C-alpha atoms as a PDB file:
ATOM      1  CA  MET A   1      50.980 -10.250  86.227  1.00  0.00           C
ATOM      2  CA  LYS A   2      48.774 -12.814  87.914  1.00  0.00           C
ATOM      3  CA  ALA A   3      45.926 -10.299  88.018  1.00  0.00           C
ATOM      4  CA  LEU A   4      46.380  -9.503  84.299  1.00  0.00           C
ATOM      5  CA  ALA A   5      46.379 -13.208  83.344  1.00  0.00           C
ATOM      6  CA  ALA A   6      43.238 -13.792  85.377  1.00  0.00           C
ATOM      7  CA  ALA A   7      41.513 -10.896  83.646  1.00  0.00           C
ATOM      8  CA  MET A   8      42.472 -12.271  80.229  1.00  0.00           C
ATOM      9  CA  LEU A   9      41.091 -15.700  81.113  1.00  0.00           C
ATOM     10  CA  VAL A  10      37.822 -14.178  82.254  1.00  0.00           C
ATOM     11  CA  GLY A  11      37.572 -12.190  79.000  1.00  0.00           C
ATOM     12  CA  MET A  12      38.281 -15.271  76.884  1.00  0.00           C
ATOM     13  CA  ALA A  13      35.697 -17.263  78.797  1.00  0.00           C
ATOM     14  CA  GLY A  14      33.162 -14.510  78.185  1.00  0.00           C
ATOM     15  CA  ILE A  15      33.869 -14.641  74.454  1.00  0.00           C
ATOM     16  CA  ALA A  16      33.615 -18.418  74.344  1.00  0.00           C
ATOM     17  CA  CYS A  17      30.310 -18.415  76.147  1.00  0.00           C
ATOM     18  CA  ALA A  18      28.657 -15.650  74.106  1.00  0.00           C
ATOM     19  CA  ALA A  19      25.378 -16.833  72.546  1.00  0.00           C
ATOM     20  CA  PRO A  20      25.442 -17.000  68.732  1.00  0.00           C
ATOM     21  CA  GLN A  21      23.310 -14.432  66.967  1.00  0.00           C
ATOM     22  CA  ALA A  22      20.123 -15.897  65.400  1.00  0.00           C
ATOM     23  CA  VAL A  23      20.005 -15.608  61.602  1.00  0.00           C
ATOM     24  CA  ALA A  24      16.555 -14.869  60.242  1.00  0.00           C
ATOM     25  CA  PRO A  25      15.510 -17.363  57.555  1.00  0.00           C
ATOM     26  CA  SER A  26      15.197 -15.924  54.077  1.00  0.00           C
ATOM     27  CA  VAL A  27      11.636 -15.311  52.922  1.00  0.00           C
ATOM     28  CA  PRO A  28      10.935 -17.107  49.630  1.00  0.00           C
ATOM     29  CA  ALA A  29       8.855 -15.361  46.997  1.00  0.00           C
ATOM     30  CA  ILE A  30       6.524 -16.289  44.163  1.00  0.00           C
ATOM     31  CA  ARG A  31       7.895 -14.747  40.979  1.00  0.00           C
ATOM     32  CA  TRP A  32       5.813 -14.140  37.862  1.00  0.00           C
ATOM     33  CA  THR A  33       5.656 -12.308  34.560  1.00  0.00           C
ATOM     34  CA  GLY A  34       2.802 -11.661  32.153  1.00  0.00           C
ATOM     35  CA  THR A  35      -0.467  -9.743  32.284  1.00  0.00           C
ATOM     36  CA  ALA A  36      -2.356  -9.687  35.582  1.00  0.00           C
ATOM     37  CA  SER A  37      -5.586  -8.343  34.154  1.00  0.00           C
ATOM     38  CA  GLN A  38      -9.043  -9.576  33.267  1.00  0.00           C
ATOM     39  CA  GLY A  39      -8.518 -12.087  30.464  1.00  0.00           C
ATOM     40  CA  GLY A  40      -4.777 -12.125  31.142  1.00  0.00           C
ATOM     41  CA  LEU A  41      -2.236 -14.919  31.537  1.00  0.00           C
ATOM     42  CA  ILE A  42       0.832 -15.154  33.775  1.00  0.00           C
ATOM     43  CA  LEU A  43       3.837 -17.467  33.903  1.00  0.00           C
ATOM     44  CA  GLY A  44       5.515 -17.891  37.248  1.00  0.00           C
ATOM     45  CA  THR A  45       8.054 -19.695  39.385  1.00  0.00           C
ATOM     46  CA  ALA A  46       7.042 -21.122  42.755  1.00  0.00           C
ATOM     47  CA  PRO A  47       9.481 -21.038  45.713  1.00  0.00           C
ATOM     48  CA  ALA A  48      11.831 -24.005  46.019  1.00  0.00           C
ATOM     49  CA  GLY A  49      10.223 -26.853  47.934  1.00  0.00           C
ATOM     50  CA  THR A  50       6.642 -25.858  47.092  1.00  0.00           C
ATOM     51  CA  ARG A  51       4.364 -28.851  47.551  1.00  0.00           C
ATOM     52  CA  MET A  52       1.075 -27.085  46.819  1.00  0.00           C
ATOM     53  CA  LEU A  53       0.186 -23.926  44.899  1.00  0.00           C
ATOM     54  CA  SER A  54      -3.178 -22.243  44.385  1.00  0.00           C
ATOM     55  CA  VAL A  55      -4.731 -19.072  43.010  1.00  0.00           C
ATOM     56  CA  ASP A  56      -7.798 -17.981  44.974  1.00  0.00           C
ATOM     57  CA  GLY A  57      -8.039 -21.526  46.310  1.00  0.00           C
ATOM     58  CA  VAL A  58      -7.919 -23.189  42.877  1.00  0.00           C
ATOM     59  CA  PRO A  59      -5.039 -25.707  42.702  1.00  0.00           C
ATOM     60  CA  VAL A  60      -2.275 -24.846  40.240  1.00  0.00           C
ATOM     61  CA  THR A  61       0.000 -27.549  38.833  1.00  0.00           C
ATOM     62  CA  VAL A  62       3.697 -26.858  39.336  1.00  0.00           C
ATOM     63  CA  ALA A  63       6.280 -28.309  36.932  1.00  0.00           C
ATOM     64  CA  PRO A  64       9.379 -30.084  38.322  1.00  0.00           C
ATOM     65  CA  ASP A  65      11.430 -26.925  37.718  1.00  0.00           C
ATOM     66  CA  GLY A  66       8.943 -24.858  39.731  1.00  0.00           C
ATOM     67  CA  ARG A  67       7.332 -23.152  36.735  1.00  0.00           C
ATOM     68  CA  PHE A  68       3.566 -22.677  36.494  1.00  0.00           C
ATOM     69  CA  VAL A  69       0.892 -20.907  34.453  1.00  0.00           C
ATOM     70  CA  ALA A  70      -2.347 -19.256  35.601  1.00  0.00           C
ATOM     71  CA  GLY A  71      -5.041 -17.114  34.019  1.00  0.00           C
ATOM     72  CA  PHE A  72      -7.747 -14.643  34.975  1.00  0.00           C
ATOM     73  CA  ASP A  73     -11.279 -14.780  33.601  1.00  0.00           C
ATOM     74  CA  ARG A  74     -12.879 -11.919  31.692  1.00  0.00           C
ATOM     75  CA  ASP A  75     -14.902 -11.119  34.821  1.00  0.00           C
ATOM     76  CA  ALA A  76     -12.133 -11.757  37.358  1.00  0.00           C
ATOM     77  CA  ARG A  77     -12.248  -9.833  40.628  1.00  0.00           C
ATOM     78  CA  PRO A  78      -9.834  -6.897  41.256  1.00  0.00           C
ATOM     79  CA  GLN A  79      -7.521  -9.017  43.412  1.00  0.00           C
ATOM     80  CA  ALA A  80      -6.193 -12.567  43.287  1.00  0.00           C
ATOM     81  CA  THR A  81      -4.160 -14.415  45.912  1.00  0.00           C
ATOM     82  CA  LEU A  82      -1.325 -16.755  44.998  1.00  0.00           C
ATOM     83  CA  SER A  83      -0.565 -19.161  47.829  1.00  0.00           C
ATOM     84  CA  ALA A  84       2.349 -21.613  48.020  1.00  0.00           C
ATOM     85  CA  THR A  85       2.637 -24.210  50.777  1.00  0.00           C
ATOM     86  CA  LEU A  86       6.266 -25.225  51.326  1.00  0.00           C
ATOM     87  CA  GLY A  87       7.623 -28.564  52.461  1.00  0.00           C
ATOM     88  CA  ASP A  88       8.398 -27.232  55.936  1.00  0.00           C
ATOM     89  CA  GLY A  89       4.805 -26.083  56.377  1.00  0.00           C
ATOM     90  CA  ARG A  90       5.350 -22.395  55.764  1.00  0.00           C
ATOM     91  CA  VAL A  91       2.817 -20.658  53.526  1.00  0.00           C
ATOM     92  CA  VAL A  92       3.923 -17.928  51.143  1.00  0.00           C
ATOM     93  CA  THR A  93       1.218 -15.668  49.715  1.00  0.00           C
ATOM     94  CA  GLU A  94       1.185 -12.854  47.234  1.00  0.00           C
ATOM     95  CA  THR A  95      -1.773 -10.644  46.402  1.00  0.00           C
ATOM     96  CA  LEU A  96      -2.014  -9.604  42.768  1.00  0.00           C
ATOM     97  CA  ALA A  97      -3.907  -6.567  41.571  1.00  0.00           C
ATOM     98  CA  VAL A  98      -5.959  -7.808  38.594  1.00  0.00           C
ATOM     99  CA  ALA A  99      -6.415  -4.817  36.304  1.00  0.00           C
ATOM    100  CA  PRO A 100      -9.970  -4.200  35.071  1.00  0.00           C
ATOM    101  CA  ARG A 101     -10.602  -3.696  31.367  1.00  0.00           C
ATOM    102  CA  GLY A 102     -13.185  -1.944  29.255  1.00  0.00           C
ATOM    103  CA  TRP A 103     -15.256  -4.092  26.910  1.00  0.00           C
ATOM    104  CA  SER A 104     -16.974  -3.338  23.642  1.00  0.00           C
ATOM    105  CA  ILE A 105     -20.669  -3.252  24.601  1.00  0.00           C
ATOM    106  CA  SER A 106     -23.316  -2.821  21.901  1.00  0.00           C
ATOM    107  CA  ARG A 107     -26.762  -1.714  23.100  1.00  0.00           C
ATOM    108  CA  LEU A 108     -29.625  -2.750  20.842  1.00  0.00           C
ATOM    109  CA  PRO A 109     -32.753  -1.611  22.715  1.00  0.00           C
ATOM    110  CA  THR A 110     -35.149  -2.394  19.834  1.00  0.00           C
ATOM    111  CA  LEU A 111     -33.738  -5.836  18.988  1.00  0.00           C
ATOM    112  CA  PRO A 112     -35.040  -8.822  20.983  1.00  0.00           C
ATOM    113  CA  LYS A 113     -32.624 -11.456  22.186  1.00  0.00           C
ATOM    114  CA  ILE A 114     -32.153 -14.487  19.916  1.00  0.00           C
ATOM    115  CA  PRO A 115     -35.270 -16.696  20.213  1.00  0.00           C
ATOM    116  CA  VAL A 116     -35.278 -20.050  21.969  1.00  0.00           C
ATOM    117  CA  PRO A 117     -33.561 -22.698  19.785  1.00  0.00           C
ATOM    118  CA  ASP A 118     -35.716 -25.220  17.952  1.00  0.00           C
ATOM    119  CA  ALA A 119     -36.171 -28.891  18.819  1.00  0.00           C
ATOM    120  CA  GLU A 120     -33.431 -30.013  16.446  1.00  0.00           C
ATOM    121  CA  PHE A 121     -30.893 -27.773  18.171  1.00  0.00           C
ATOM    122  CA  ALA A 122     -32.071 -29.033  21.567  1.00  0.00           C
ATOM    123  CA  ARG A 123     -31.477 -32.601  20.378  1.00  0.00           C
ATOM    124  CA  LEU A 124     -28.023 -32.030  18.906  1.00  0.00           C
ATOM    125  CA  ARG A 125     -26.492 -29.619  21.395  1.00  0.00           C
ATOM    126  CA  PRO A 126     -26.131 -31.761  24.565  1.00  0.00           C
ATOM    127  CA  PRO A 127     -23.837 -34.399  22.997  1.00  0.00           C
ATOM    128  CA  GLU A 128     -21.745 -31.645  21.416  1.00  0.00           C
ATOM    129  CA  LEU A 129     -21.285 -29.944  24.773  1.00  0.00           C
ATOM    130  CA  ALA A 130     -20.431 -33.302  26.352  1.00  0.00           C
ATOM    131  CA  ARG A 131     -17.612 -33.787  23.835  1.00  0.00           C
ATOM    132  CA  ILE A 132     -16.254 -30.306  24.524  1.00  0.00           C
ATOM    133  CA  VAL A 133     -16.341 -30.839  28.294  1.00  0.00           C
ATOM    134  CA  ALA A 134     -14.641 -34.235  27.941  1.00  0.00           C
ATOM    135  CA  ALA A 135     -11.927 -32.726  25.764  1.00  0.00           C
ATOM    136  CA  ARG A 136     -11.192 -29.974  28.285  1.00  0.00           C
ATOM    137  CA  ALA A 137     -10.855 -32.606  31.005  1.00  0.00           C
ATOM    138  CA  VAL A 138      -7.900 -34.169  29.172  1.00  0.00           C
ATOM    139  CA  ASN A 139      -4.565 -33.395  30.821  1.00  0.00           C
ATOM    140  CA  ALA A 140      -2.077 -33.815  27.993  1.00  0.00           C
ATOM    141  CA  ALA A 141       1.671 -33.712  28.549  1.00  0.00           C
ATOM    142  CA  SER A 142       2.868 -30.666  26.652  1.00  0.00           C
ATOM    143  CA  ASP A 143       5.171 -27.713  27.267  1.00  0.00           C
ATOM    144  CA  GLY A 144       3.340 -25.404  24.877  1.00  0.00           C
ATOM    145  CA  TRP A 145       2.207 -23.300  27.840  1.00  0.00           C
ATOM    146  CA  ARG A 146       5.820 -22.162  28.293  1.00  0.00           C
ATOM    147  CA  GLN A 147       5.987 -20.602  24.827  1.00  0.00           C
ATOM    148  CA  ARG A 148       5.164 -17.122  23.646  1.00  0.00           C
ATOM    149  CA  PHE A 149       1.962 -17.720  21.691  1.00  0.00           C
ATOM    150  CA  ALA A 150       1.763 -16.821  18.004  1.00  0.00           C
ATOM    151  CA  TRP A 151      -1.284 -15.814  15.959  1.00  0.00           C
ATOM    152  CA  PRO A 152      -2.767 -18.880  14.206  1.00  0.00           C
ATOM    153  CA  VAL A 153      -3.796 -16.620  11.327  1.00  0.00           C
ATOM    154  CA  THR A 154      -3.345 -12.914  10.658  1.00  0.00           C
ATOM    155  CA  GLY A 155      -5.852 -10.487   9.190  1.00  0.00           C
ATOM    156  CA  ARG A 156      -8.560  -8.057  10.178  1.00  0.00           C
ATOM    157  CA  ILE A 157      -9.887  -8.555  13.713  1.00  0.00           C
ATOM    158  CA  SER A 158     -13.641  -8.465  13.283  1.00  0.00           C
ATOM    159  CA  THR A 159     -14.747  -9.174  16.872  1.00  0.00           C
ATOM    160  CA  LEU A 160     -12.820  -8.583  20.078  1.00  0.00           C
ATOM    161  CA  PHE A 161     -12.673 -10.846  23.104  1.00  0.00           C
ATOM    162  CA  GLY A 162     -15.149  -9.850  25.798  1.00  0.00           C
ATOM    163  CA  SER A 163     -17.474  -7.881  23.528  1.00  0.00           C
ATOM    164  CA  GLN A 164     -21.183  -8.179  24.343  1.00  0.00           C
ATOM    165  CA  ARG A 165     -24.621  -7.143  23.182  1.00  0.00           C
ATOM    166  CA  ILE A 166     -27.407  -5.811  25.373  1.00  0.00           C
ATOM    167  CA  TYR A 167     -30.818  -6.426  23.793  1.00  0.00           C
ATOM    168  CA  ALA A 168     -34.335  -5.102  24.390  1.00  0.00           C
ATOM    169  CA  ASN A 169     -35.447  -4.938  28.014  1.00  0.00           C
ATOM    170  CA  GLY A 170     -31.802  -4.974  29.088  1.00  0.00           C
ATOM    171  CA  GLU A 171     -31.286  -8.675  28.351  1.00  0.00           C
ATOM    172  CA  ALA A 172     -27.570  -9.397  28.036  1.00  0.00           C
ATOM    173  CA  GLY A 173     -26.245 -11.823  25.474  1.00  0.00           C
ATOM    174  CA  SER A 174     -23.246 -14.029  26.184  1.00  0.00           C
ATOM    175  CA  TYR A 175     -19.959 -12.188  25.833  1.00  0.00           C
ATOM    176  CA  HIS A 176     -17.600 -13.139  23.019  1.00  0.00           C
ATOM    177  CA  SER A 177     -15.250 -15.778  24.398  1.00  0.00           C
ATOM    178  CA  GLY A 178     -12.494 -15.432  21.801  1.00  0.00           C
ATOM    179  CA  VAL A 179     -11.160 -13.214  19.060  1.00  0.00           C
ATOM    180  CA  ASP A 180     -12.385 -13.354  15.442  1.00  0.00           C
ATOM    181  CA  VAL A 181      -9.994 -12.865  12.536  1.00  0.00           C
ATOM    182  CA  ALA A 182     -11.666 -12.368   9.163  1.00  0.00           C
ATOM    183  CA  ARG A 183      -9.925 -14.179   6.295  1.00  0.00           C
ATOM    184  CA  ALA A 184     -10.969 -15.957   3.115  1.00  0.00           C
ATOM    185  CA  THR A 185     -12.160 -19.545   3.234  1.00  0.00           C
ATOM    186  CA  GLY A 186      -9.225 -21.903   2.848  1.00  0.00           C
ATOM    187  CA  THR A 187      -6.639 -19.649   4.525  1.00  0.00           C
ATOM    188  CA  ILE A 188      -4.225 -21.882   6.436  1.00  0.00           C
ATOM    189  CA  VAL A 189      -4.509 -21.918  10.249  1.00  0.00           C
ATOM    190  CA  THR A 190      -1.396 -22.831  12.261  1.00  0.00           C
ATOM    191  CA  ALA A 191      -0.845 -23.951  15.840  1.00  0.00           C
ATOM    192  CA  PRO A 192      -0.225 -20.953  18.137  1.00  0.00           C
ATOM    193  CA  ALA A 193       1.938 -23.113  20.435  1.00  0.00           C
ATOM    194  CA  ASP A 194       2.969 -26.729  20.897  1.00  0.00           C
ATOM    195  CA  GLY A 195       0.244 -29.055  22.082  1.00  0.00           C
ATOM    196  CA  VAL A 196      -1.813 -32.205  21.722  1.00  0.00           C
ATOM    197  CA  VAL A 197      -5.066 -32.413  19.741  1.00  0.00           C
ATOM    198  CA  ILE A 198      -7.900 -33.194  22.169  1.00  0.00           C
ATOM    199  CA  LEU A 199     -10.882 -32.702  19.849  1.00  0.00           C
ATOM    200  CA  ALA A 200     -11.182 -32.763  16.056  1.00  0.00           C
ATOM    201  CA  ALA A 201     -14.862 -32.719  15.093  1.00  0.00           C
ATOM    202  CA  ASP A 202     -15.828 -35.362  12.522  1.00  0.00           C
ATOM    203  CA  HIS A 203     -18.840 -33.238  11.514  1.00  0.00           C
ATOM    204  CA  PRO A 204     -19.813 -29.572  11.995  1.00  0.00           C
ATOM    205  CA  PHE A 205     -21.202 -28.695  15.415  1.00  0.00           C
ATOM    206  CA  THR A 206     -24.361 -26.570  15.505  1.00  0.00           C
ATOM    207  CA  LEU A 207     -22.599 -23.407  16.717  1.00  0.00           C
ATOM    208  CA  GLU A 208     -18.864 -24.007  16.383  1.00  0.00           C
ATOM    209  CA  GLY A 209     -18.959 -25.743  13.001  1.00  0.00           C
ATOM    210  CA  ASN A 210     -15.781 -27.745  12.385  1.00  0.00           C
ATOM    211  CA  LEU A 211     -14.216 -27.487  15.828  1.00  0.00           C
ATOM    212  CA  LEU A 212     -10.588 -28.200  16.706  1.00  0.00           C
ATOM    213  CA  MET A 213      -9.138 -28.090  20.226  1.00  0.00           C
ATOM    214  CA  ILE A 214      -5.495 -28.280  21.304  1.00  0.00           C
ATOM    215  CA  ASP A 215      -4.214 -28.768  24.853  1.00  0.00           C
ATOM    216  CA  HIS A 216      -1.011 -26.826  25.551  1.00  0.00           C
ATOM    217  CA  GLY A 217      -0.513 -28.466  28.971  1.00  0.00           C
ATOM    218  CA  MET A 218      -1.077 -27.377  32.578  1.00  0.00           C
ATOM    219  CA  GLY A 219      -4.789 -26.689  31.967  1.00  0.00           C
ATOM    220  CA  LEU A 220      -4.239 -24.254  29.075  1.00  0.00           C
ATOM    221  CA  ASN A 221      -6.053 -25.034  25.814  1.00  0.00           C
ATOM    222  CA  SER A 222      -7.059 -23.426  22.511  1.00  0.00           C
ATOM    223  CA  ALA A 223     -10.206 -23.860  20.413  1.00  0.00           C
ATOM    224  CA  PHE A 224     -10.565 -23.017  16.727  1.00  0.00           C
ATOM    225  CA  LEU A 225     -14.096 -22.604  15.356  1.00  0.00           C
ATOM    226  CA  HIS A 226     -15.828 -22.478  11.956  1.00  0.00           C
ATOM    227  CA  LEU A 227     -12.988 -24.241  10.110  1.00  0.00           C
ATOM    228  CA  SER A 228     -13.518 -25.326   6.515  1.00  0.00           C
ATOM    229  CA  ARG A 229     -11.355 -28.372   7.209  1.00  0.00           C
ATOM    230  CA  ILE A 230      -9.278 -29.965   9.968  1.00  0.00           C
ATOM    231  CA  ASP A 231      -5.845 -31.366   9.081  1.00  0.00           C
ATOM    232  CA  VAL A 232      -4.877 -33.111  12.355  1.00  0.00           C
ATOM    233  CA  ARG A 233      -6.269 -35.965  14.440  1.00  0.00           C
ATOM    234  CA  VAL A 234      -7.061 -36.512  18.118  1.00  0.00           C
ATOM    235  CA  GLY A 235      -3.926 -37.502  20.020  1.00  0.00           C
ATOM    236  CA  GLU A 236      -1.580 -35.956  17.476  1.00  0.00           C
ATOM    237  CA  ARG A 237       1.225 -33.763  18.764  1.00  0.00           C
ATOM    238  CA  VAL A 238       1.551 -30.454  16.963  1.00  0.00           C
ATOM    239  CA  ARG A 239       4.307 -27.882  16.936  1.00  0.00           C
ATOM    240  CA  GLN A 240       4.006 -24.118  16.986  1.00  0.00           C
ATOM    241  CA  GLY A 241       3.523 -22.869  13.433  1.00  0.00           C
ATOM    242  CA  GLN A 242       2.375 -26.248  12.082  1.00  0.00           C
ATOM    243  CA  PRO A 243      -0.676 -26.129   9.745  1.00  0.00           C
ATOM    244  CA  ILE A 244      -3.704 -27.567  11.548  1.00  0.00           C
ATOM    245  CA  GLY A 245      -6.672 -26.571   9.367  1.00  0.00           C
ATOM    246  CA  ALA A 246      -8.200 -23.830   7.259  1.00  0.00           C
ATOM    247  CA  VAL A 247     -10.497 -20.846   7.768  1.00  0.00           C
ATOM    248  CA  GLY A 248     -14.177 -21.392   6.970  1.00  0.00           C
ATOM    249  CA  ARG A 249     -17.710 -20.367   7.854  1.00  0.00           C
ATOM    250  CA  THR A 250     -19.171 -23.623   9.180  1.00  0.00           C
ATOM    251  CA  GLY A 251     -21.583 -23.575  12.108  1.00  0.00           C
ATOM    252  CA  ARG A 252     -23.173 -20.288  13.153  1.00  0.00           C
ATOM    253  CA  ALA A 253     -21.096 -17.789  11.177  1.00  0.00           C
ATOM    254  CA  THR A 254     -22.111 -14.888   8.955  1.00  0.00           C
ATOM    255  CA  GLY A 255     -18.884 -14.945   6.964  1.00  0.00           C
ATOM    256  CA  PRO A 256     -15.523 -16.740   6.736  1.00  0.00           C
ATOM    257  CA  HIS A 257     -13.334 -16.129   9.772  1.00  0.00           C
ATOM    258  CA  LEU A 258     -11.374 -17.884  12.486  1.00  0.00           C
ATOM    259  CA  HIS A 259     -12.685 -17.737  16.031  1.00  0.00           C
ATOM    260  CA  TRP A 260      -9.754 -18.490  18.360  1.00  0.00           C
ATOM    261  CA  SER A 261     -10.479 -18.921  22.045  1.00  0.00           C
ATOM    262  CA  LEU A 262      -8.087 -19.651  24.885  1.00  0.00           C
ATOM    263  CA  ARG A 263      -8.807 -21.060  28.336  1.00  0.00           C
ATOM    264  CA  TRP A 264      -6.934 -21.829  31.511  1.00  0.00           C
ATOM    265  CA  ARG A 265      -9.113 -24.242  33.469  1.00  0.00           C
ATOM    266  CA  ASP A 266     -12.521 -22.514  33.496  1.00  0.00           C
ATOM    267  CA  ALA A 267     -11.095 -19.023  32.990  1.00  0.00           C
ATOM    268  CA  LYS A 268     -11.738 -17.544  29.535  1.00  0.00           C
ATOM    269  CA  LEU A 269      -8.678 -15.625  28.361  1.00  0.00           C
ATOM    270  CA  ASP A 270      -8.033 -12.978  25.732  1.00  0.00           C
ATOM    271  CA  PRO A 271      -5.847 -14.508  22.971  1.00  0.00           C
ATOM    272  CA  MET A 272      -4.615 -11.008  22.051  1.00  0.00           C
ATOM    273  CA  LEU A 273      -2.857 -10.755  25.426  1.00  0.00           C
ATOM    274  CA  ALA A 274      -1.203 -14.141  24.926  1.00  0.00           C
ATOM    275  CA  ALA A 275      -0.096 -13.553  21.316  1.00  0.00           C
ATOM    276  CA  GLY A 276       0.705  -9.853  21.472  1.00  0.00           C
ATOM    277  CA  GLU A 277       0.653  -7.446  18.571  1.00  0.00           C
ATOM    278  CA  MET A 278      -0.292  -9.022  15.256  1.00  0.00           C
ATOM    279  CA  ARG A 279       2.554  -8.848  12.725  1.00  0.00           C
END
């Protein structure tokens, strides 16, 4: 009996002294939805405790609930790296495959590129560009970036995002930075998402004509060109679906249409990917 009791004590001591098994910490992940393609836009959620997020080294603002938005330029590279630095120092990365796209390229080998602008254009253009740059630098507080974007006007799409002309001697023109919707002058244009007006031209710009810009928050903004009129003012908050102006042909335009462009930071995005099928 004494031998049995001693054996039991030894066994119990062995159990008591056994080292606890180490539990591997869970690996947080960056979650996202949307279109990871050239001209595409994604919405994501950063891991809990993220104190810094970037895409290819470009800082990305993260909302208090961890949500974020990011976009890929028309000429984005085939891969992009999302990187989240956590509060404990760990770094979580995810490599995204950015799908390439085909663009509408028109080759005009007998047509020379548009000639150098005249002196009047050279005088007027710099202050216009300065106003556009200043507007894009505004960081308005808006949650429009969270919404599913809607078409500001419906109709025939006359020019696609990313389309480009190649002129004589292989000279490439600038690619089309938005999507054109052909409609009659005076057709109402509505806000594609909530936002804050950051530019409402008080006179037609040389190229854009009556130009309106709306910041949807988190570095995402829309521009509406060639308007016949603008119905909102700088600093005004607008709601998705609210009338903001009317289609026109002001500025450099061959006919009445709306040019809608969308940007995230410096990346030019395809509005068709953000708004989806036109209904």
